[in-house]
């Protein structure tokens, strides 16, 4: 099969976000597989990071489904869950969804694009449209995340874990 164009993969990513949004709004339980970028409001427990270093499977049901929401101001999808008795929340990002499934494992949408493909597409977007404000350094990323109210130490930890688990990013983002 010929490699999918960036336009097709972008549509698929947006479709995955739309499905998750509808599932939350309709209060429909589902399972989601996402890249484990450790970009939650707090650093994930070490046992989660060790057990799921690259991909994370979440069942969005019961309290997680009730707590997850669509931000009315930004339209962003916020997933909420609990690990080890601690509440966690994260904004679901484009390109982060690998799969959305029913709780019994039936696929609703699969987007198993390698992360390096996402990075090359981001580079394409940067080249095409300089108006995008992508962070160029770890400090830029920490400042951007902290501006949204997340603790600077938590933001820095999440970024460092993301870079640790995605060494190809080290070349793209300066320390």
C-alpha atoms as a PDB file:
ATOM      1  CA  UNK A   1       0.000   0.000   0.000  1.00  0.00           C
ATOM      2  CA  UNK A   2       1.247   3.463  -0.862  1.00  0.00           C
ATOM      3  CA  UNK A   3       2.147   5.620   2.143  1.00  0.00           C
ATOM      4  CA  UNK A   4      -0.715   7.841   3.254  1.00  0.00           C
ATOM      5  CA  UNK A   5      -0.388  11.533   2.478  1.00  0.00           C
ATOM      6  CA  UNK A   6      -0.204  14.074   5.275  1.00  0.00           C
ATOM      7  CA  UNK A   7      -3.686  15.273   4.304  1.00  0.00           C
ATOM      8  CA  UNK A   8      -5.155  11.774   4.789  1.00  0.00           C
ATOM      9  CA  UNK A   9      -3.390  11.237   8.117  1.00  0.00           C
ATOM     10  CA  UNK A  10      -4.527  14.684   9.314  1.00  0.00           C
ATOM     11  CA  UNK A  11      -8.155  13.827   8.471  1.00  0.00           C
ATOM     12  CA  UNK A  12      -7.799  10.496  10.299  1.00  0.00           C
ATOM     13  CA  UNK A  13      -6.349  12.208  13.387  1.00  0.00           C
ATOM     14  CA  UNK A  14      -9.172  14.748  13.403  1.00  0.00           C
ATOM     15  CA  UNK A  15     -11.706  11.919  12.996  1.00  0.00           C
ATOM     16  CA  UNK A  16     -10.221  10.155  16.024  1.00  0.00           C
ATOM     17  CA  UNK A  17     -10.535  13.338  18.094  1.00  0.00           C
ATOM     18  CA  UNK A  18     -14.113  13.787  16.878  1.00  0.00           C
ATOM     19  CA  UNK A  19     -15.023  10.222  17.860  1.00  0.00           C
ATOM     20  CA  UNK A  20     -13.608  10.709  21.351  1.00  0.00           C
ATOM     21  CA  UNK A  21     -15.482  14.000  21.689  1.00  0.00           C
ATOM     22  CA  UNK A  22     -18.770  12.377  20.670  1.00  0.00           C
ATOM     23  CA  UNK A  23     -18.203   9.412  22.982  1.00  0.00           C
ATOM     24  CA  UNK A  24     -17.688  11.786  25.927  1.00  0.00           C
ATOM     25  CA  UNK A  25     -20.644  14.010  25.036  1.00  0.00           C
ATOM     26  CA  UNK A  26     -22.906  10.975  24.544  1.00  0.00           C
ATOM     27  CA  UNK A  27     -21.561   9.399  27.756  1.00  0.00           C
ATOM     28  CA  UNK A  28     -20.606   6.267  25.817  1.00  0.00           C
ATOM     29  CA  UNK A  29     -17.935   4.110  27.469  1.00  0.00           C
ATOM     30  CA  UNK A  30     -14.856   3.399  25.356  1.00  0.00           C
ATOM     31  CA  UNK A  31     -11.236   2.334  25.411  1.00  0.00           C
ATOM     32  CA  UNK A  32      -8.494   4.572  24.040  1.00  0.00           C
ATOM     33  CA  UNK A  33      -4.882   3.762  23.191  1.00  0.00           C
ATOM     34  CA  UNK A  34      -2.597   6.799  23.203  1.00  0.00           C
ATOM     35  CA  UNK A  35       1.117   7.465  22.934  1.00  0.00           C
ATOM     36  CA  UNK A  36       2.459   7.690  26.482  1.00  0.00           C
ATOM     37  CA  UNK A  37       4.002  11.127  26.323  1.00  0.00           C
ATOM     38  CA  UNK A  38       3.637  11.576  30.109  1.00  0.00           C
ATOM     39  CA  UNK A  39       1.953  14.922  29.451  1.00  0.00           C
ATOM     40  CA  UNK A  40      -0.607  14.811  32.246  1.00  0.00           C
ATOM     41  CA  UNK A  41      -1.176  17.540  34.841  1.00  0.00           C
ATOM     42  CA  UNK A  42       1.074  15.563  37.214  1.00  0.00           C
ATOM     43  CA  UNK A  43       3.910  13.123  36.498  1.00  0.00           C
ATOM     44  CA  UNK A  44       2.504   9.616  36.055  1.00  0.00           C
ATOM     45  CA  UNK A  45       3.376   7.038  38.722  1.00  0.00           C
ATOM     46  CA  UNK A  46       6.676   5.275  38.074  1.00  0.00           C
ATOM     47  CA  UNK A  47       4.926   1.888  37.857  1.00  0.00           C
ATOM     48  CA  UNK A  48       2.753   3.179  34.988  1.00  0.00           C
ATOM     49  CA  UNK A  49       5.782   4.601  33.179  1.00  0.00           C
ATOM     50  CA  UNK A  50       7.649   1.314  33.567  1.00  0.00           C
ATOM     51  CA  UNK A  51       4.699  -0.873  32.544  1.00  0.00           C
ATOM     52  CA  UNK A  52       3.609   1.331  29.616  1.00  0.00           C
ATOM     53  CA  UNK A  53       6.659   3.272  28.381  1.00  0.00           C
ATOM     54  CA  UNK A  54       5.370   3.960  24.852  1.00  0.00           C
ATOM     55  CA  UNK A  55       1.606   3.370  24.710  1.00  0.00           C
ATOM     56  CA  UNK A  56      -1.086   3.734  27.330  1.00  0.00           C
ATOM     57  CA  UNK A  57      -4.474   1.981  27.270  1.00  0.00           C
ATOM     58  CA  UNK A  58      -7.275   3.730  29.144  1.00  0.00           C
ATOM     59  CA  UNK A  59     -10.830   2.573  29.742  1.00  0.00           C
ATOM     60  CA  UNK A  60     -12.980   5.685  29.796  1.00  0.00           C
ATOM     61  CA  UNK A  61     -15.965   4.515  31.821  1.00  0.00           C
ATOM     62  CA  UNK A  62     -17.696   5.132  35.120  1.00  0.00           C
ATOM     63  CA  UNK A  63     -15.982   8.028  36.951  1.00  0.00           C
ATOM     64  CA  UNK A  64     -13.424   8.619  34.175  1.00  0.00           C
ATOM     65  CA  UNK A  65     -16.254   9.126  31.705  1.00  0.00           C
ATOM     66  CA  UNK A  66     -18.128  11.422  34.089  1.00  0.00           C
ATOM     67  CA  UNK A  67     -15.002  13.496  34.832  1.00  0.00           C
ATOM     68  CA  UNK A  68     -13.706  13.745  31.243  1.00  0.00           C
ATOM     69  CA  UNK A  69     -15.050  16.749  29.342  1.00  0.00           C
ATOM     70  CA  UNK A  70     -14.832  19.113  26.405  1.00  0.00           C
ATOM     71  CA  UNK A  71     -13.542  22.551  27.421  1.00  0.00           C
ATOM     72  CA  UNK A  72     -16.256  24.997  26.397  1.00  0.00           C
ATOM     73  CA  UNK A  73     -13.799  27.853  25.800  1.00  0.00           C
ATOM     74  CA  UNK A  74     -11.139  26.034  23.785  1.00  0.00           C
ATOM     75  CA  UNK A  75     -12.964  22.963  22.477  1.00  0.00           C
ATOM     76  CA  UNK A  76     -10.125  20.797  23.802  1.00  0.00           C
ATOM     77  CA  UNK A  77     -10.839  17.269  25.005  1.00  0.00           C
ATOM     78  CA  UNK A  78      -9.749  16.735  28.596  1.00  0.00           C
ATOM     79  CA  UNK A  79      -9.353  13.122  29.704  1.00  0.00           C
ATOM     80  CA  UNK A  80      -9.564  12.499  33.434  1.00  0.00           C
ATOM     81  CA  UNK A  81      -8.648   9.323  35.264  1.00  0.00           C
ATOM     82  CA  UNK A  82      -7.174   8.040  38.516  1.00  0.00           C
ATOM     83  CA  UNK A  83      -3.893   6.206  39.062  1.00  0.00           C
ATOM     84  CA  UNK A  84      -2.985   5.016  42.561  1.00  0.00           C
ATOM     85  CA  UNK A  85      -5.761   7.115  44.096  1.00  0.00           C
ATOM     86  CA  UNK A  86      -4.546  10.361  42.470  1.00  0.00           C
ATOM     87  CA  UNK A  87      -6.637  12.309  39.960  1.00  0.00           C
ATOM     88  CA  UNK A  88      -4.958  12.950  36.607  1.00  0.00           C
ATOM     89  CA  UNK A  89      -6.073  15.089  33.680  1.00  0.00           C
ATOM     90  CA  UNK A  90      -4.637  15.738  30.235  1.00  0.00           C
ATOM     91  CA  UNK A  91      -5.578  17.573  27.085  1.00  0.00           C
ATOM     92  CA  UNK A  92      -5.872  15.031  24.295  1.00  0.00           C
ATOM     93  CA  UNK A  93      -3.706  16.185  21.410  1.00  0.00           C
ATOM     94  CA  UNK A  94      -3.934  15.666  17.676  1.00  0.00           C
ATOM     95  CA  UNK A  95      -1.679  12.795  16.690  1.00  0.00           C
ATOM     96  CA  UNK A  96      -1.715  11.261  20.147  1.00  0.00           C
ATOM     97  CA  UNK A  97      -4.529   8.760  19.536  1.00  0.00           C
ATOM     98  CA  UNK A  98      -3.442   5.352  18.313  1.00  0.00           C
ATOM     99  CA  UNK A  99      -6.866   3.695  18.567  1.00  0.00           C
ATOM    100  CA  UNK A 100     -10.374   4.161  19.872  1.00  0.00           C
ATOM    101  CA  UNK A 101     -12.184   0.922  20.707  1.00  0.00           C
ATOM    102  CA  UNK A 102     -15.312  -0.298  22.403  1.00  0.00           C
ATOM    103  CA  UNK A 103     -14.732  -1.729  25.875  1.00  0.00           C
ATOM    104  CA  UNK A 104     -14.897  -5.242  24.410  1.00  0.00           C
ATOM    105  CA  UNK A 105     -12.031  -4.386  22.034  1.00  0.00           C
ATOM    106  CA  UNK A 106     -13.911  -3.716  18.781  1.00  0.00           C
ATOM    107  CA  UNK A 107     -12.003  -1.009  16.876  1.00  0.00           C
ATOM    108  CA  UNK A 108     -13.838   2.232  16.130  1.00  0.00           C
ATOM    109  CA  UNK A 109     -10.800   3.926  14.567  1.00  0.00           C
ATOM    110  CA  UNK A 110      -7.116   3.028  14.287  1.00  0.00           C
ATOM    111  CA  UNK A 111      -4.383   5.613  13.732  1.00  0.00           C
ATOM    112  CA  UNK A 112      -1.229   3.638  14.353  1.00  0.00           C
ATOM    113  CA  UNK A 113       1.121   6.146  12.733  1.00  0.00           C
ATOM    114  CA  UNK A 114       4.707   6.026  13.975  1.00  0.00           C
ATOM    115  CA  UNK A 115       5.591   9.070  16.046  1.00  0.00           C
ATOM    116  CA  UNK A 116       8.469   9.966  13.711  1.00  0.00           C
ATOM    117  CA  UNK A 117       5.885  10.389  10.932  1.00  0.00           C
ATOM    118  CA  UNK A 118       4.093  12.895  13.133  1.00  0.00           C
ATOM    119  CA  UNK A 119       7.376  14.752  13.633  1.00  0.00           C
ATOM    120  CA  UNK A 120       8.088  14.928   9.904  1.00  0.00           C
ATOM    121  CA  UNK A 121       4.578  16.256   9.310  1.00  0.00           C
ATOM    122  CA  UNK A 122       5.112  18.915  11.967  1.00  0.00           C
ATOM    123  CA  UNK A 123       8.296  19.914  10.127  1.00  0.00           C
ATOM    124  CA  UNK A 124       6.266  20.137   6.892  1.00  0.00           C
ATOM    125  CA  UNK A 125       3.736  22.387   8.585  1.00  0.00           C
ATOM    126  CA  UNK A 126       6.532  24.558   9.999  1.00  0.00           C
ATOM    127  CA  UNK A 127       8.042  24.922   6.534  1.00  0.00           C
ATOM    128  CA  UNK A 128       4.704  25.685   4.895  1.00  0.00           C
ATOM    129  CA  UNK A 129       3.346  28.089   7.473  1.00  0.00           C
ATOM    130  CA  UNK A 130       5.696  30.121   9.656  1.00  0.00           C
ATOM    131  CA  UNK A 131       2.788  31.637  11.578  1.00  0.00           C
ATOM    132  CA  UNK A 132       2.655  28.542  13.823  1.00  0.00           C
ATOM    133  CA  UNK A 133       4.379  29.148  17.134  1.00  0.00           C
ATOM    134  CA  UNK A 134       6.081  25.817  17.874  1.00  0.00           C
ATOM    135  CA  UNK A 135       8.406  25.715  20.860  1.00  0.00           C
ATOM    136  CA  UNK A 136      12.047  25.494  19.852  1.00  0.00           C
ATOM    137  CA  UNK A 137      13.519  24.539  23.242  1.00  0.00           C
ATOM    138  CA  UNK A 138      12.614  22.696  26.420  1.00  0.00           C
ATOM    139  CA  UNK A 139      12.364  26.048  28.224  1.00  0.00           C
ATOM    140  CA  UNK A 140       9.896  27.327  25.584  1.00  0.00           C
ATOM    141  CA  UNK A 141       7.790  24.224  26.149  1.00  0.00           C
ATOM    142  CA  UNK A 142       7.893  24.585  29.954  1.00  0.00           C
ATOM    143  CA  UNK A 143       6.830  28.240  29.694  1.00  0.00           C
ATOM    144  CA  UNK A 144       4.013  27.393  27.295  1.00  0.00           C
ATOM    145  CA  UNK A 145       2.669  24.582  29.493  1.00  0.00           C
ATOM    146  CA  UNK A 146       3.103  26.591  32.718  1.00  0.00           C
ATOM    147  CA  UNK A 147       1.097  29.446  31.188  1.00  0.00           C
ATOM    148  CA  UNK A 148      -1.893  27.072  31.224  1.00  0.00           C
ATOM    149  CA  UNK A 149      -1.634  26.735  35.010  1.00  0.00           C
ATOM    150  CA  UNK A 150       0.389  23.525  35.258  1.00  0.00           C
ATOM    151  CA  UNK A 151       3.202  23.533  37.804  1.00  0.00           C
ATOM    152  CA  UNK A 152       6.557  24.276  36.201  1.00  0.00           C
ATOM    153  CA  UNK A 153       8.160  21.221  37.852  1.00  0.00           C
ATOM    154  CA  UNK A 154       5.387  18.943  36.516  1.00  0.00           C
ATOM    155  CA  UNK A 155       5.719  20.455  33.028  1.00  0.00           C
ATOM    156  CA  UNK A 156       9.493  20.023  33.043  1.00  0.00           C
ATOM    157  CA  UNK A 157       9.170  16.416  34.254  1.00  0.00           C
ATOM    158  CA  UNK A 158       6.624  15.597  31.543  1.00  0.00           C
ATOM    159  CA  UNK A 159       8.781  17.131  28.819  1.00  0.00           C
ATOM    160  CA  UNK A 160      11.887  15.309  30.022  1.00  0.00           C
ATOM    161  CA  UNK A 161      10.014  11.976  30.115  1.00  0.00           C
ATOM    162  CA  UNK A 162       8.624  12.653  26.645  1.00  0.00           C
ATOM    163  CA  UNK A 163      12.117  13.384  25.294  1.00  0.00           C
ATOM    164  CA  UNK A 164      13.536  10.327  27.076  1.00  0.00           C
ATOM    165  CA  UNK A 165      10.920   8.098  25.440  1.00  0.00           C
ATOM    166  CA  UNK A 166      11.228   9.831  22.056  1.00  0.00           C
ATOM    167  CA  UNK A 167      14.962  10.270  21.401  1.00  0.00           C
ATOM    168  CA  UNK A 168      14.300  11.435  17.832  1.00  0.00           C
ATOM    169  CA  UNK A 169      12.865  14.625  19.360  1.00  0.00           C
ATOM    170  CA  UNK A 170      16.163  15.515  21.004  1.00  0.00           C
ATOM    171  CA  UNK A 171      17.446  16.553  17.579  1.00  0.00           C
ATOM    172  CA  UNK A 172      14.404  18.783  17.001  1.00  0.00           C
ATOM    173  CA  UNK A 173      14.180  20.447  20.427  1.00  0.00           C
ATOM    174  CA  UNK A 174      17.179  22.062  22.069  1.00  0.00           C
ATOM    175  CA  UNK A 175      17.782  21.710  25.812  1.00  0.00           C
END
